Amino acid sequence: MDLWNRREIIGLMQAAGRIAFKHYEAPHASLKGDESIVTLADREIEAYFTERLDRPEAGQYLLGEETIEGKSEAYLEAALKHTAWVVDPIDGTAPYSNHIPIWGISLGLMRGGRFVEGAIYLPVTREFLMSEGERIYYSSDLGLTGEAVLAPFVPVRHPWCDSRLLALTQGVAKRGSVDLKNPVMANCCAVMPLAYLLLGRYQAYLGSLKLWDFGGGLPLLLKAGFTVKRLDGVSLGAEVSPRDYHLEAGHPRRWRTKTDLVFAADDESAAKVLGAVKR
């Protein structure tokens, strides 16, 4: 397939959604070595993406949550230097495996260690977002089959309001503290909060993420002009570098951001959250 061809990307995401729904009633969940949940659908979707996208002989690699531990260091180094697909086959495996409709599929594209394109698909709500160059496209009704009708997407930005929802990662919800009046939600996934931030449904999103958690969402946010800040106030960009990520072999938090991040529509909102985080 041509790299980041709109029709092909939509077809990939629809196929992944079909696999997810095939196993939805009986997900066959188990625990991995890091005690995170994995299902048969996670593995099957990643195998599908691997078959379609992993082409080392052509300089195209795949970094996916379920297979990255089996990659050689030479493969990983090449992926960060050349072209890499970054895949989370089901982001939100915990809600998925408990039949709670807060999950989705994330696909990002990196070139030379920088995110250049991203796509998010929420099969339950049928919402789909993807970038293409400097534009973002959206569908509110992308089914598992059939043609997609995408429209140019204009991000929704709201000024700070204490009644608007703040989304948290599980890590922040369990161990952190944010001194704000806002109601909070910890959704066990990143694709939904990131998509809903763009759609104006969340005020901000706070937490530390792994590369594949926001591989589809980060390019969308950056292209939309949203703010992504580390706890020290420094902006996170598209580059995947040792400054912002644990990339060294053997690190227990490898592929995770070095600090929590704040995702927000603007610097003012990001500063509001940063000022409320108790370290």
Protein backbone atom coordinates (compact mmCIF):
# COMPACT_ATOMS: atom_id res chain seq x y z
CA MET A 1 0.00 0.00 0.00
CA ASP A 2 1.03 3.62 -0.48
CA LEU A 3 2.16 5.15 2.77
CA TRP A 4 -0.65 7.05 4.43
CA ASN A 5 -3.15 6.73 1.63
CA ARG A 6 -6.51 7.86 2.99
CA ARG A 7 -8.55 5.00 1.56
CA GLU A 8 -6.00 2.43 2.72
CA ILE A 9 -5.78 3.82 6.26
CA ILE A 10 -9.56 3.78 6.60
CA GLY A 11 -9.64 0.19 5.34
CA LEU A 12 -6.99 -0.86 7.85
CA MET A 13 -8.86 0.70 10.75
CA GLN A 14 -12.19 -0.80 9.69
CA ALA A 15 -10.61 -4.24 9.44
CA ALA A 16 -9.13 -3.80 12.92
CA GLY A 17 -12.55 -2.80 14.21
CA ARG A 18 -14.11 -5.93 12.72
CA ILE A 19 -11.55 -8.10 14.50
CA ALA A 20 -12.25 -6.29 17.78
CA PHE A 21 -15.99 -6.86 17.51
CA LYS A 22 -15.50 -10.49 16.52
CA HIS A 23 -14.05 -11.11 20.00
CA TYR A 24 -16.02 -8.51 21.96
CA GLU A 25 -18.44 -10.94 23.61
CA ALA A 26 -15.67 -13.35 24.59
CA PRO A 27 -12.39 -11.38 24.70
CA HIS A 28 -10.21 -14.14 26.28
CA ALA A 29 -8.36 -11.72 28.54
CA SER A 30 -5.12 -12.56 30.33
CA LEU A 31 -2.33 -10.74 32.14
CA LYS A 32 1.03 -10.00 30.55
CA GLY A 33 4.33 -9.94 32.42
CA ASP A 34 3.84 -6.28 33.34
CA GLU A 35 0.38 -7.16 34.71
CA SER A 36 -1.43 -5.25 31.99
CA ILE A 37 -4.35 -6.93 30.24
CA VAL A 38 -4.15 -8.43 26.78
CA THR A 39 -6.89 -10.09 24.74
CA LEU A 40 -7.06 -12.30 21.70
CA ALA A 41 -8.26 -9.26 19.74
CA ASP A 42 -5.15 -7.24 20.69
CA ARG A 43 -2.90 -9.95 19.34
CA GLU A 44 -4.97 -10.63 16.24
CA ILE A 45 -5.23 -6.96 15.27
CA GLU A 46 -1.50 -6.43 15.73
CA ALA A 47 -0.78 -9.52 13.65
CA TYR A 48 -2.99 -8.05 10.92
CA PHE A 49 -1.18 -4.71 11.02
CA THR A 50 2.16 -6.52 11.01
CA GLU A 51 1.22 -8.51 7.93
CA ARG A 52 0.10 -5.37 6.09
CA LEU A 53 2.68 -2.83 7.23
CA ASP A 54 5.91 -4.40 8.50
CA ARG A 55 8.39 -4.22 5.60
CA PRO A 56 11.95 -3.98 6.98
CA GLU A 57 13.42 -4.77 3.57
CA ALA A 58 11.75 -1.58 2.31
CA GLY A 59 12.73 0.52 5.33
CA GLN A 60 9.28 0.29 6.94
CA TYR A 61 8.96 -1.01 10.49
CA LEU A 62 6.21 -1.57 13.04
CA LEU A 63 6.31 -0.62 16.72
CA GLY A 64 3.30 -2.20 18.39
CA GLU A 65 2.36 -2.74 22.00
CA GLU A 66 1.99 -6.50 21.71
CA THR A 67 5.10 -7.32 19.66
CA ILE A 68 7.72 -4.69 20.54
CA GLU A 69 9.30 -6.87 23.25
CA GLY A 70 10.20 -9.45 20.62
CA LYS A 71 12.03 -7.00 18.34
CA SER A 72 15.82 -6.95 18.19
CA GLU A 73 17.73 -3.82 19.15
CA ALA A 74 18.87 -3.51 15.54
CA TYR A 75 15.23 -3.54 14.39
CA LEU A 76 14.21 -0.92 16.97
CA GLU A 77 17.14 1.34 16.12
CA ALA A 78 16.28 1.12 12.42
CA ALA A 79 12.61 1.88 13.17
CA LEU A 80 13.55 5.12 14.92
CA LYS A 81 15.83 6.12 12.06
CA HIS A 82 13.61 5.26 9.12
CA THR A 83 9.84 4.85 8.67
CA ALA A 84 7.82 3.26 11.47
CA TRP A 85 4.16 2.53 12.04
CA VAL A 86 3.22 2.93 15.71
CA VAL A 87 0.28 0.72 16.63
CA ASP A 88 -1.96 0.24 19.63
CA PRO A 89 -4.33 -2.50 18.43
CA ILE A 90 -6.82 -1.86 21.22
CA ASP A 91 -6.13 1.13 23.41
CA GLY A 92 -8.35 0.60 26.42
CA THR A 93 -8.00 -3.16 26.72
CA ALA A 94 -9.26 -3.11 30.32
CA PRO A 95 -12.64 -1.54 29.43
CA TYR A 96 -12.79 -3.56 26.21
CA SER A 97 -12.31 -6.83 28.07
CA ASN A 98 -15.01 -5.81 30.57
CA HIS A 99 -17.40 -4.84 27.77
CA ILE A 100 -17.29 -1.13 28.56
CA PRO A 101 -17.35 0.98 25.37
CA ILE A 102 -14.32 3.15 26.15
CA TRP A 103 -11.66 1.88 23.74
CA GLY A 104 -10.31 2.45 20.29
CA ILE A 105 -7.58 1.80 17.75
CA SER A 106 -4.54 4.02 17.31
CA LEU A 107 -2.22 4.22 14.32
CA GLY A 108 0.65 6.66 13.88
CA LEU A 109 3.38 7.11 11.28
CA MET A 110 6.92 8.23 12.11
CA ARG A 111 9.68 9.22 9.73
CA GLY A 112 13.20 9.72 11.03
CA GLY A 113 12.00 9.46 14.62
CA ARG A 114 9.28 12.11 14.24
CA PHE A 115 5.53 11.61 14.16
CA VAL A 116 4.15 12.86 10.85
CA GLU A 117 0.64 11.38 10.61
CA GLY A 118 -1.95 9.90 12.94
CA ALA A 119 -5.37 8.27 13.02
CA ILE A 120 -7.82 7.26 15.75
CA TYR A 121 -10.86 5.02 15.35
CA LEU A 122 -13.52 4.57 18.05
CA PRO A 123 -15.56 1.67 16.63
CA VAL A 124 -18.31 1.73 19.28
CA THR A 125 -19.19 5.38 18.70
CA ARG A 126 -18.15 5.11 15.01
CA GLU A 127 -16.00 8.24 15.27
CA PHE A 128 -12.83 8.53 13.19
CA LEU A 129 -10.10 11.14 12.96
CA MET A 130 -7.07 11.16 10.70
CA SER A 131 -4.48 13.62 9.52
CA GLU A 132 -3.32 14.04 5.95
CA GLY A 133 -0.55 16.54 5.52
CA GLU A 134 -1.52 19.61 7.49
CA ARG A 135 -5.24 18.82 7.44
CA ILE A 136 -7.37 16.73 9.77
CA TYR A 137 -10.45 14.83 8.63
CA TYR A 138 -13.34 13.54 10.70
CA SER A 139 -16.27 11.17 10.40
CA SER A 140 -18.96 10.81 13.04
CA ASP A 141 -20.32 7.67 11.40
CA LEU A 142 -17.61 5.33 10.17
CA GLY A 143 -18.92 1.80 10.24
CA LEU A 144 -16.93 -1.41 10.08
CA THR A 145 -17.54 -1.71 6.33
CA GLY A 146 -18.40 0.54 3.44
CA GLU A 147 -17.21 3.87 2.14
CA ALA A 148 -16.20 6.63 4.50
CA VAL A 149 -17.51 10.15 4.24
CA LEU A 150 -14.87 12.40 5.79
CA ALA A 151 -15.13 16.12 6.27
CA PRO A 152 -12.37 18.62 7.01
CA PHE A 153 -12.24 18.92 10.78
CA VAL A 154 -12.13 22.16 12.74
CA PRO A 155 -10.97 21.51 16.32
CA VAL A 156 -13.28 22.70 19.09
CA ARG A 157 -11.63 24.92 21.68
CA HIS A 158 -13.26 26.08 24.89
CA PRO A 159 -11.85 28.63 27.33
CA TRP A 160 -11.05 27.27 30.77
CA CYS A 161 -14.11 26.43 32.83
CA ASP A 162 -14.12 24.75 36.24
CA SER A 163 -17.12 22.62 35.30
CA ARG A 164 -15.55 21.03 32.22
CA LEU A 165 -14.19 17.49 32.44
CA LEU A 166 -10.53 16.74 33.05
CA ALA A 167 -9.28 13.32 31.88
CA LEU A 168 -6.57 11.47 33.82
CA THR A 169 -4.47 8.40 33.16
CA GLN A 170 -4.65 5.49 35.57
CA GLY A 171 -1.26 6.45 37.00
CA VAL A 172 -2.41 9.92 37.97
CA ALA A 173 -5.72 8.62 39.29
CA LYS A 174 -4.01 6.06 41.53
CA ARG A 175 -0.94 7.94 42.68
CA GLY A 176 -1.20 11.60 41.73
CA SER A 177 -3.06 14.65 42.92
CA VAL A 178 -4.52 17.55 40.96
CA ASP A 179 -5.91 20.45 42.97
CA LEU A 180 -8.67 21.62 40.63
CA LYS A 181 -12.42 22.01 40.94
CA ASN A 182 -13.05 20.21 37.66
CA PRO A 183 -14.76 16.82 37.63
CA VAL A 184 -12.34 14.11 36.51
CA MET A 185 -12.50 10.84 34.57
CA ALA A 186 -9.89 8.06 34.38
CA ASN A 187 -10.79 6.11 31.27
CA CYS A 188 -8.10 3.37 31.05
CA CYS A 189 -7.27 4.53 27.52
CA ALA A 190 -5.72 7.47 25.68
CA VAL A 191 -7.43 7.43 22.28
CA MET A 192 -10.79 8.54 23.59
CA PRO A 193 -9.54 11.44 25.76
CA LEU A 194 -7.27 12.67 22.97
CA ALA A 195 -10.05 12.50 20.38
CA TYR A 196 -12.53 14.09 22.76
CA LEU A 197 -10.08 16.86 23.61
CA LEU A 198 -10.01 17.75 19.91
CA LEU A 199 -13.82 17.55 19.83
CA GLY A 200 -14.13 19.93 22.78
CA ARG A 201 -15.56 17.34 25.19
CA TYR A 202 -12.61 17.38 27.59
CA GLN A 203 -10.87 20.42 29.02
CA ALA A 204 -7.48 18.70 29.28
CA TYR A 205 -5.78 15.33 29.66
CA LEU A 206 -3.03 14.58 32.18
CA GLY A 207 -0.65 11.65 32.55
CA SER A 208 2.40 9.71 31.39
CA LEU A 209 1.95 7.63 28.23
CA LYS A 210 3.83 5.09 26.19
CA LEU A 211 4.69 5.71 22.55
CA TRP A 212 1.83 3.66 21.15
CA ASP A 213 -0.75 5.13 23.54
CA PHE A 214 -0.71 8.42 21.66
CA GLY A 215 0.94 7.48 18.38
CA GLY A 216 -2.31 8.23 16.57
CA GLY A 217 -3.39 11.16 18.71
CA LEU A 218 -0.22 13.22 19.11
CA PRO A 219 0.13 14.10 15.40
CA LEU A 220 -3.53 15.16 15.34
CA LEU A 221 -3.11 17.43 18.35
CA LEU A 222 0.08 19.03 17.07
CA LYS A 223 -1.39 19.65 13.62
CA ALA A 224 -4.47 21.17 15.27
CA GLY A 225 -2.28 23.61 17.20
CA PHE A 226 -3.06 22.12 20.61
CA THR A 227 -0.59 22.32 23.48
CA VAL A 228 1.35 19.36 24.89
CA LYS A 229 3.52 20.21 27.90
CA ARG A 230 5.82 18.31 30.22
CA LEU A 231 5.54 18.98 33.95
CA ASP A 232 8.42 21.47 33.71
CA GLY A 233 6.43 23.48 31.17
CA VAL A 234 8.58 22.51 28.17
CA SER A 235 6.58 21.68 25.05
CA LEU A 236 6.53 18.15 23.66
CA GLY A 237 6.89 18.05 19.92
CA ALA A 238 6.72 15.37 17.25
CA GLU A 239 10.27 14.10 17.80
CA VAL A 240 10.78 10.88 19.76
CA SER A 241 14.03 11.61 21.57
CA PRO A 242 15.82 10.66 24.82
CA ARG A 243 14.97 14.11 26.16
CA ASP A 244 11.30 13.17 26.49
CA TYR A 245 11.14 9.35 26.42
CA HIS A 246 12.83 6.44 28.12
CA LEU A 247 14.40 4.79 25.07
CA GLU A 248 17.33 2.89 26.52
CA ALA A 249 17.31 -0.91 26.31
CA GLY A 250 16.36 -2.63 29.53
CA HIS A 251 14.81 0.42 31.18
CA PRO A 252 11.72 -0.65 33.18
CA ARG A 253 9.76 2.27 31.74
CA ARG A 254 11.07 1.98 28.21
CA TRP A 255 8.94 3.76 25.57
CA ARG A 256 7.16 5.85 28.23
CA THR A 257 7.37 9.63 28.52
CA LYS A 258 9.77 10.73 31.25
CA THR A 259 7.19 12.91 32.98
CA ASP A 260 3.46 13.29 33.01
CA LEU A 261 2.17 15.40 30.14
CA VAL A 262 -0.64 17.91 29.91
CA PHE A 263 -2.65 17.93 26.68
CA ALA A 264 -4.82 21.03 26.28
CA ALA A 265 -6.31 23.36 23.72
CA ASP A 266 -4.03 26.25 24.63
CA ASP A 267 -1.16 27.35 26.87
CA GLU A 268 -3.51 28.96 29.39
CA SER A 269 -5.38 25.72 30.00
CA ALA A 270 -2.15 23.75 30.17
CA ALA A 271 -0.72 26.18 32.70
CA LYS A 272 -3.86 25.86 34.82
CA VAL A 273 -3.37 22.10 35.07
CA LEU A 274 0.40 22.29 35.54
CA GLY A 275 -0.07 24.70 38.42
CA ALA A 276 -2.47 22.30 40.12
CA VAL A 277 -0.34 19.14 39.93
CA LYS A 278 1.05 18.18 43.33
CA ARG A 279 4.48 16.63 42.82
